[in-house]
Amino acid sequence: MDRNKLIRNKLLDQNIKNSSFFNMHINELVYKSEDYLGDFYNESPNFLFDKDFVQKLIWLTYSNEEKKNILDNDLELYFKN
């Protein structure tokens, strides 16, 4: 495994761990809060932990060259259809 992939894997692992901790904390806040605050946390997009959030974290771990290749491939697919 090359050095960049190893660094990316460590970053990704740390981001997932941090995100999971954040999500558990928000869930705890929702559970222990008064109803109006629980509703606020549940309805706020800033406090949601979902697949898109993880995808954004993964994207941040790519090198510029990897990002360019991914975007170029996406554009090729888009214009083929």
PDB file of N, CA and C in Angstrom:
ATOM      1  N   MET A   1       0.851  -1.176   0.000  1.00  0.00           N
ATOM      2  CA  MET A   1       0.000   0.000   0.000  1.00  0.00           C
ATOM      3  C   MET A   1       0.897   1.239   0.000  1.00  0.00           C
ATOM      4  N   ASP A   2       0.583   2.173  -0.877  1.00  0.00           N
ATOM      5  CA  ASP A   2       1.433   3.360  -0.920  1.00  0.00           C
ATOM      6  C   ASP A   2       1.108   4.313   0.232  1.00  0.00           C
ATOM      7  N   ARG A   3       2.010   5.243   0.440  1.00  0.00           N
ATOM      8  CA  ARG A   3       1.916   6.157   1.586  1.00  0.00           C
ATOM      9  C   ARG A   3       0.634   6.991   1.559  1.00  0.00           C
ATOM     10  N   ASN A   4       0.234   7.490   0.382  1.00  0.00           N
ATOM     11  CA  ASN A   4      -0.978   8.320   0.294  1.00  0.00           C
ATOM     12  C   ASN A   4      -2.221   7.551   0.705  1.00  0.00           C
ATOM     13  N   LYS A   5      -2.320   6.293   0.273  1.00  0.00           N
ATOM     14  CA  LYS A   5      -3.490   5.490   0.645  1.00  0.00           C
ATOM     15  C   LYS A   5      -3.496   5.203   2.136  1.00  0.00           C
ATOM     16  N   LEU A   6      -2.322   4.970   2.693  1.00  0.00           N
ATOM     17  CA  LEU A   6      -2.238   4.714   4.125  1.00  0.00           C
ATOM     18  C   LEU A   6      -2.668   5.945   4.912  1.00  0.00           C
ATOM     19  N   ILE A   7      -2.197   7.113   4.501  1.00  0.00           N
ATOM     20  CA  ILE A   7      -2.586   8.368   5.160  1.00  0.00           C
ATOM     21  C   ILE A   7      -4.087   8.588   5.002  1.00  0.00           C
ATOM     22  N   ARG A   8      -4.601   8.344   3.788  1.00  0.00           N
ATOM     23  CA  ARG A   8      -6.032   8.544   3.541  1.00  0.00           C
ATOM     24  C   ARG A   8      -6.849   7.602   4.415  1.00  0.00           C
ATOM     25  N   ASN A   9      -6.429   6.355   4.527  1.00  0.00           N
ATOM     26  CA  ASN A   9      -7.166   5.414   5.363  1.00  0.00           C
ATOM     27  C   ASN A   9      -7.179   5.857   6.823  1.00  0.00           C
ATOM     28  N   LYS A  10      -6.050   6.357   7.315  1.00  0.00           N
ATOM     29  CA  LYS A  10      -6.012   6.846   8.690  1.00  0.00           C
ATOM     30  C   LYS A  10      -6.939   8.042   8.863  1.00  0.00           C
ATOM     31  N   LEU A  11      -6.928   8.956   7.884  1.00  0.00           N
ATOM     32  CA  LEU A  11      -7.808  10.122   7.947  1.00  0.00           C
ATOM     33  C   LEU A  11      -9.269   9.706   7.898  1.00  0.00           C
ATOM     34  N   LEU A  12      -9.567   8.786   7.015  1.00  0.00           N
ATOM     35  CA  LEU A  12     -10.941   8.318   6.890  1.00  0.00           C
ATOM     36  C   LEU A  12     -11.396   7.641   8.174  1.00  0.00           C
ATOM     37  N   ASP A  13     -10.558   6.791   8.721  1.00  0.00           N
ATOM     38  CA  ASP A  13     -10.895   6.130   9.984  1.00  0.00           C
ATOM     39  C   ASP A  13     -11.139   7.139  11.095  1.00  0.00           C
ATOM     40  N   GLN A  14     -10.281   8.145  11.183  1.00  0.00           N
ATOM     41  CA  GLN A  14     -10.437   9.166  12.216  1.00  0.00           C
ATOM     42  C   GLN A  14     -11.708   9.974  11.996  1.00  0.00           C
ATOM     43  N   ASN A  15     -12.008  10.311  10.742  1.00  0.00           N
ATOM     44  CA  ASN A  15     -13.228  11.067  10.445  1.00  0.00           C
ATOM     45  C   ASN A  15     -14.476  10.271  10.788  1.00  0.00           C
ATOM     46  N   ILE A  16     -14.467   8.991  10.475  1.00  0.00           N
ATOM     47  CA  ILE A  16     -15.620   8.149  10.796  1.00  0.00           C
ATOM     48  C   ILE A  16     -15.782   8.036  12.307  1.00  0.00           C
ATOM     49  N   LYS A  17     -14.674   7.872  13.003  1.00  0.00           N
ATOM     50  CA  LYS A  17     -14.730   7.788  14.465  1.00  0.00           C
ATOM     51  C   LYS A  17     -15.276   9.097  15.052  1.00  0.00           C
ATOM     52  N   ASN A  18     -14.776  10.226  14.566  1.00  0.00           N
ATOM     53  CA  ASN A  18     -15.254  11.526  15.052  1.00  0.00           C
ATOM     54  C   ASN A  18     -16.730  11.729  14.737  1.00  0.00           C
ATOM     55  N   SER A  19     -17.120  11.332  13.529  1.00  0.00           N
ATOM     56  CA  SER A  19     -18.511  11.490  13.119  1.00  0.00           C
ATOM     57  C   SER A  19     -19.428  10.628  13.961  1.00  0.00           C
ATOM     58  N   SER A  20     -18.998   9.417  14.248  1.00  0.00           N
ATOM     59  CA  SER A  20     -19.809   8.532  15.085  1.00  0.00           C
ATOM     60  C   SER A  20     -19.956   9.094  16.490  1.00  0.00           C
ATOM     61  N   PHE A  21     -18.869   9.623  17.037  1.00  0.00           N
ATOM     62  CA  PHE A  21     -18.920  10.230  18.358  1.00  0.00           C
ATOM     63  C   PHE A  21     -19.875  11.433  18.357  1.00  0.00           C
ATOM     64  N   PHE A  22     -19.776  12.260  17.321  1.00  0.00           N
ATOM     65  CA  PHE A  22     -20.647  13.425  17.186  1.00  0.00           C
ATOM     66  C   PHE A  22     -22.108  12.978  17.114  1.00  0.00           C
ATOM     67  N   ASN A  23     -22.374  11.958  16.305  1.00  0.00           N
ATOM     68  CA  ASN A  23     -23.735  11.462  16.150  1.00  0.00           C
ATOM     69  C   ASN A  23     -24.285  10.930  17.477  1.00  0.00           C
ATOM     70  N   MET A  24     -23.477  10.184  18.207  1.00  0.00           N
ATOM     71  CA  MET A  24     -23.912   9.676  19.517  1.00  0.00           C
ATOM     72  C   MET A  24     -24.206  10.827  20.467  1.00  0.00           C
ATOM     73  N   HIS A  25     -23.381  11.861  20.427  1.00  0.00           N
ATOM     74  CA  HIS A  25     -23.586  13.018  21.299  1.00  0.00           C
ATOM     75  C   HIS A  25     -24.894  13.735  20.948  1.00  0.00           C
ATOM     76  N   ILE A  26     -25.142  13.922  19.661  1.00  0.00           N
ATOM     77  CA  ILE A  26     -26.387  14.582  19.244  1.00  0.00           C
ATOM     78  C   ILE A  26     -27.595  13.742  19.645  1.00  0.00           C
ATOM     79  N   ASN A  27     -27.507  12.430  19.454  1.00  0.00           N
ATOM     80  CA  ASN A  27     -28.613  11.566  19.862  1.00  0.00           C
ATOM     81  C   ASN A  27     -28.865  11.659  21.365  1.00  0.00           C
ATOM     82  N   GLU A  28     -27.797  11.752  22.120  1.00  0.00           N
ATOM     83  CA  GLU A  28     -27.937  11.904  23.573  1.00  0.00           C
ATOM     84  C   GLU A  28     -28.600  13.239  23.907  1.00  0.00           C
ATOM     85  N   LEU A  29     -28.195  14.295  23.210  1.00  0.00           N
ATOM     86  CA  LEU A  29     -28.820  15.603  23.427  1.00  0.00           C
ATOM     87  C   LEU A  29     -30.311  15.557  23.110  1.00  0.00           C
ATOM     88  N   VAL A  30     -30.654  14.925  22.003  1.00  0.00           N
ATOM     89  CA  VAL A  30     -32.060  14.827  21.611  1.00  0.00           C
ATOM     90  C   VAL A  30     -32.848  14.077  22.677  1.00  0.00           C
ATOM     91  N   TYR A  31     -32.290  12.980  23.144  1.00  0.00           N
ATOM     92  CA  TYR A  31     -32.983  12.139  24.117  1.00  0.00           C
ATOM     93  C   TYR A  31     -33.162  12.851  25.463  1.00  0.00           C
ATOM     94  N   LYS A  32     -32.152  13.617  25.885  1.00  0.00           N
ATOM     95  CA  LYS A  32     -32.187  14.245  27.209  1.00  0.00           C
ATOM     96  C   LYS A  32     -32.771  15.659  27.199  1.00  0.00           C
ATOM     97  N   SER A  33     -32.982  16.224  26.029  1.00  0.00           N
ATOM     98  CA  SER A  33     -33.444  17.617  25.941  1.00  0.00           C
ATOM     99  C   SER A  33     -34.954  17.719  26.072  1.00  0.00           C
ATOM    100  N   GLU A  34     -35.366  18.930  26.325  1.00  0.00           N
ATOM    101  CA  GLU A  34     -36.801  19.208  26.288  1.00  0.00           C
ATOM    102  C   GLU A  34     -37.279  19.015  24.854  1.00  0.00           C
ATOM    103  N   ASP A  35     -38.579  18.831  24.691  1.00  0.00           N
ATOM    104  CA  ASP A  35     -39.135  18.507  23.377  1.00  0.00           C
ATOM    105  C   ASP A  35     -38.739  19.499  22.290  1.00  0.00           C
ATOM    106  N   TYR A  36     -38.821  20.805  22.587  1.00  0.00           N
ATOM    107  CA  TYR A  36     -38.547  21.791  21.546  1.00  0.00           C
ATOM    108  C   TYR A  36     -37.081  21.732  21.098  1.00  0.00           C
ATOM    109  N   LEU A  37     -36.144  21.441  22.010  1.00  0.00           N
ATOM    110  CA  LEU A  37     -34.741  21.316  21.617  1.00  0.00           C
ATOM    111  C   LEU A  37     -34.488  20.015  20.864  1.00  0.00           C
ATOM    112  N   GLY A  38     -35.131  18.945  21.292  1.00  0.00           N
ATOM    113  CA  GLY A  38     -35.017  17.683  20.570  1.00  0.00           C
ATOM    114  C   GLY A  38     -35.505  17.830  19.135  1.00  0.00           C
ATOM    115  N   ASP A  39     -36.630  18.536  18.958  1.00  0.00           N
ATOM    116  CA  ASP A  39     -37.145  18.793  17.609  1.00  0.00           C
ATOM    117  C   ASP A  39     -36.157  19.619  16.795  1.00  0.00           C
ATOM    118  N   PHE A  40     -35.549  20.604  17.441  1.00  0.00           N
ATOM    119  CA  PHE A  40     -34.565  21.439  16.752  1.00  0.00           C
ATOM    120  C   PHE A  40     -33.411  20.586  16.227  1.00  0.00           C
ATOM    121  N   TYR A  41     -32.844  19.739  17.074  1.00  0.00           N
ATOM    122  CA  TYR A  41     -31.718  18.896  16.650  1.00  0.00           C
ATOM    123  C   TYR A  41     -32.138  17.911  15.564  1.00  0.00           C
ATOM    124  N   ASN A  42     -33.328  17.338  15.704  1.00  0.00           N
ATOM    125  CA  ASN A  42     -33.790  16.369  14.715  1.00  0.00           C
ATOM    126  C   ASN A  42     -34.047  16.993  13.351  1.00  0.00           C
ATOM    127  N   GLU A  43     -34.498  18.239  13.331  1.00  0.00           N
ATOM    128  CA  GLU A  43     -34.880  18.879  12.080  1.00  0.00           C
ATOM    129  C   GLU A  43     -33.761  19.689  11.453  1.00  0.00           C
ATOM    130  N   SER A  44     -32.695  19.906  12.158  1.00  0.00           N
ATOM    131  CA  SER A  44     -31.606  20.727  11.632  1.00  0.00           C
ATOM    132  C   SER A  44     -30.669  19.894  10.764  1.00  0.00           C
ATOM    133  N   PRO A  45     -30.423  20.336   9.524  1.00  0.00           N
ATOM    134  CA  PRO A  45     -29.498  19.588   8.661  1.00  0.00           C
ATOM    135  C   PRO A  45     -28.060  19.646   9.164  1.00  0.00           C
ATOM    136  N   ASN A  46     -27.746  20.599  10.010  1.00  0.00           N
ATOM    137  CA  ASN A  46     -26.381  20.711  10.529  1.00  0.00           C
ATOM    138  C   ASN A  46     -26.040  19.616  11.528  1.00  0.00           C
ATOM    139  N   PHE A  47     -27.040  18.952  12.044  1.00  0.00           N
ATOM    140  CA  PHE A  47     -26.794  17.953  13.077  1.00  0.00           C
ATOM    141  C   PHE A  47     -27.079  16.537  12.613  1.00  0.00           C
ATOM    142  N   LEU A  48     -27.376  16.370  11.326  1.00  0.00           N
ATOM    143  CA  LEU A  48     -27.674  15.038  10.813  1.00  0.00           C
ATOM    144  C   LEU A  48     -26.398  14.314  10.413  1.00  0.00           C
ATOM    145  N   PHE A  49     -26.343  13.060  10.753  1.00  0.00           N
ATOM    146  CA  PHE A  49     -25.235  12.200  10.364  1.00  0.00           C
ATOM    147  C   PHE A  49     -25.803  11.183   9.391  1.00  0.00           C
ATOM    148  N   ASP A  50     -25.426  11.305   8.133  1.00  0.00           N
ATOM    149  CA  ASP A  50     -25.983  10.400   7.142  1.00  0.00           C
ATOM    150  C   ASP A  50     -24.930  10.003   6.108  1.00  0.00           C
ATOM    151  N   LYS A  51     -25.377   9.232   5.146  1.00  0.00           N
ATOM    152  CA  LYS A  51     -24.467   8.723   4.111  1.00  0.00           C
ATOM    153  C   LYS A  51     -23.781   9.866   3.362  1.00  0.00           C
ATOM    154  N   ASP A  52     -24.526  10.931   3.053  1.00  0.00           N
ATOM    155  CA  ASP A  52     -23.935  12.057   2.328  1.00  0.00           C
ATOM    156  C   ASP A  52     -22.797  12.696   3.121  1.00  0.00           C
ATOM    157  N   PHE A  53     -22.980  12.779   4.416  1.00  0.00           N
ATOM    158  CA  PHE A  53     -21.944  13.354   5.261  1.00  0.00           C
ATOM    159  C   PHE A  53     -20.663  12.525   5.192  1.00  0.00           C
ATOM    160  N   VAL A  54     -20.818  11.211   5.250  1.00  0.00           N
ATOM    161  CA  VAL A  54     -19.659  10.318   5.167  1.00  0.00           C
ATOM    162  C   VAL A  54     -19.000  10.447   3.796  1.00  0.00           C
ATOM    163  N   GLN A  55     -19.813  10.557   2.750  1.00  0.00           N
ATOM    164  CA  GLN A  55     -19.253  10.724   1.407  1.00  0.00           C
ATOM    165  C   GLN A  55     -18.433  12.013   1.305  1.00  0.00           C
ATOM    166  N   LYS A  56     -18.882  13.058   1.948  1.00  0.00           N
ATOM    167  CA  LYS A  56     -18.124  14.313   1.954  1.00  0.00           C
ATOM    168  C   LYS A  56     -16.785  14.144   2.669  1.00  0.00           C
ATOM    169  N   LEU A  57     -16.801  13.413   3.766  1.00  0.00           N
ATOM    170  CA  LEU A  57     -15.552  13.153   4.473  1.00  0.00           C
ATOM    171  C   LEU A  57     -14.584  12.340   3.617  1.00  0.00           C
ATOM    172  N   ILE A  58     -15.117  11.359   2.926  1.00  0.00           N
ATOM    173  CA  ILE A  58     -14.277  10.552   2.044  1.00  0.00           C
ATOM    174  C   ILE A  58     -13.698  11.423   0.944  1.00  0.00           C
ATOM    175  N   TRP A  59     -14.505  12.282   0.370  1.00  0.00           N
ATOM    176  CA  TRP A  59     -14.041  13.175  -0.702  1.00  0.00           C
ATOM    177  C   TRP A  59     -12.861  14.025  -0.225  1.00  0.00           C
ATOM    178  N   LEU A  60     -12.912  14.498   0.994  1.00  0.00           N
ATOM    179  CA  LEU A  60     -11.840  15.336   1.522  1.00  0.00           C
ATOM    180  C   LEU A  60     -10.513  14.593   1.646  1.00  0.00           C
ATOM    181  N   THR A  61     -10.556  13.276   1.659  1.00  0.00           N
ATOM    182  CA  THR A  61      -9.321  12.511   1.794  1.00  0.00           C
ATOM    183  C   THR A  61      -8.645  12.237   0.456  1.00  0.00           C
ATOM    184  N   TYR A  62      -9.327  12.516  -0.652  1.00  0.00           N
ATOM    185  CA  TYR A  62      -8.727  12.278  -1.971  1.00  0.00           C
ATOM    186  C   TYR A  62      -7.698  13.344  -2.306  1.00  0.00           C
ATOM    187  N   SER A  63      -6.683  12.940  -3.045  1.00  0.00           N
ATOM    188  CA  SER A  63      -5.705  13.910  -3.542  1.00  0.00           C
ATOM    189  C   SER A  63      -6.358  14.712  -4.669  1.00  0.00           C
ATOM    190  N   ASN A  64      -5.742  15.818  -5.057  1.00  0.00           N
ATOM    191  CA  ASN A  64      -6.286  16.625  -6.149  1.00  0.00           C
ATOM    192  C   ASN A  64      -6.346  15.829  -7.450  1.00  0.00           C
ATOM    193  N   GLU A  65      -5.356  15.000  -7.669  1.00  0.00           N
ATOM    194  CA  GLU A  65      -5.332  14.186  -8.886  1.00  0.00           C
ATOM    195  C   GLU A  65      -6.480  13.163  -8.877  1.00  0.00           C
ATOM    196  N   GLU A  66      -6.709  12.547  -7.737  1.00  0.00           N
ATOM    197  CA  GLU A  66      -7.814  11.598  -7.630  1.00  0.00           C
ATOM    198  C   GLU A  66      -9.160  12.298  -7.837  1.00  0.00           C
ATOM    199  N   LYS A  67      -9.316  13.475  -7.256  1.00  0.00           N
ATOM    200  CA  LYS A  67     -10.556  14.232  -7.434  1.00  0.00           C
ATOM    201  C   LYS A  67     -10.773  14.574  -8.904  1.00  0.00           C
ATOM    202  N   LYS A  68      -9.707  15.005  -9.564  1.00  0.00           N
ATOM    203  CA  LYS A  68      -9.803  15.354 -10.984  1.00  0.00           C
ATOM    204  C   LYS A  68     -10.225  14.137 -11.800  1.00  0.00           C
ATOM    205  N   ASN A  69      -9.633  12.992 -11.542  1.00  0.00           N
ATOM    206  CA  ASN A  69      -9.982  11.775 -12.282  1.00  0.00           C
ATOM    207  C   ASN A  69     -11.442  11.388 -12.059  1.00  0.00           C
ATOM    208  N   ILE A  70     -11.891  11.480 -10.829  1.00  0.00           N
ATOM    209  CA  ILE A  70     -13.284  11.143 -10.515  1.00  0.00           C
ATOM    210  C   ILE A  70     -14.237  12.089 -11.248  1.00  0.00           C
ATOM    211  N   LEU A  71     -13.942  13.379 -11.185  1.00  0.00           N
ATOM    212  CA  LEU A  71     -14.804  14.361 -11.840  1.00  0.00           C
ATOM    213  C   LEU A  71     -14.769  14.223 -13.353  1.00  0.00           C
ATOM    214  N   ASP A  72     -13.609  13.953 -13.912  1.00  0.00           N
ATOM    215  CA  ASP A  72     -13.502  13.744 -15.360  1.00  0.00           C
ATOM    216  C   ASP A  72     -14.333  12.544 -15.792  1.00  0.00           C
ATOM    217  N   ASN A  73     -14.260  11.470 -15.015  1.00  0.00           N
ATOM    218  CA  ASN A  73     -15.065  10.281 -15.329  1.00  0.00           C
ATOM    219  C   ASN A  73     -16.559  10.577 -15.234  1.00  0.00           C
ATOM    220  N   ASP A  74     -16.947  11.334 -14.224  1.00  0.00           N
ATOM    221  CA  ASP A  74     -18.357  11.705 -14.073  1.00  0.00           C
ATOM    222  C   ASP A  74     -18.834  12.527 -15.271  1.00  0.00           C
ATOM    223  N   LEU A  75     -18.002  13.456 -15.728  1.00  0.00           N
ATOM    224  CA  LEU A  75     -18.369  14.270 -16.892  1.00  0.00           C
ATOM    225  C   LEU A  75     -18.483  13.420 -18.155  1.00  0.00           C
ATOM    226  N   GLU A  76     -17.567  12.498 -18.337  1.00  0.00           N
ATOM    227  CA  GLU A  76     -17.642  11.607 -19.489  1.00  0.00           C
ATOM    228  C   GLU A  76     -18.932  10.812 -19.489  1.00  0.00           C
ATOM    229  N   LEU A  77     -19.269  10.252 -18.343  1.00  0.00           N
ATOM    230  CA  LEU A  77     -20.517   9.493 -18.243  1.00  0.00           C
ATOM    231  C   LEU A  77     -21.739  10.366 -18.496  1.00  0.00           C
ATOM    232  N   TYR A  78     -21.708  11.572 -17.978  1.00  0.00           N
ATOM    233  CA  TYR A  78     -22.827  12.491 -18.140  1.00  0.00           C
ATOM    234  C   TYR A  78     -23.058  12.807 -19.612  1.00  0.00           C
ATOM    235  N   PHE A  79     -21.983  13.095 -20.350  1.00  0.00           N
ATOM    236  CA  PHE A  79     -22.141  13.503 -21.740  1.00  0.00           C
ATOM    237  C   PHE A  79     -22.333  12.322 -22.692  1.00  0.00           C
ATOM    238  N   LYS A  80     -22.067  11.100 -22.229  1.00  0.00           N
ATOM    239  CA  LYS A  80     -22.348   9.925 -23.043  1.00  0.00           C
ATOM    240  C   LYS A  80     -23.840   9.635 -23.075  1.00  0.00           C
ATOM    241  N   ASN A  81     -24.520  10.009 -22.000  1.00  0.00           N
ATOM    242  CA  ASN A  81     -25.961   9.726 -21.914  1.00  0.00           C
ATOM    243  C   ASN A  81     -26.738  10.868 -22.396  1.00  0.00           C
TER     244      ASN A  81
END
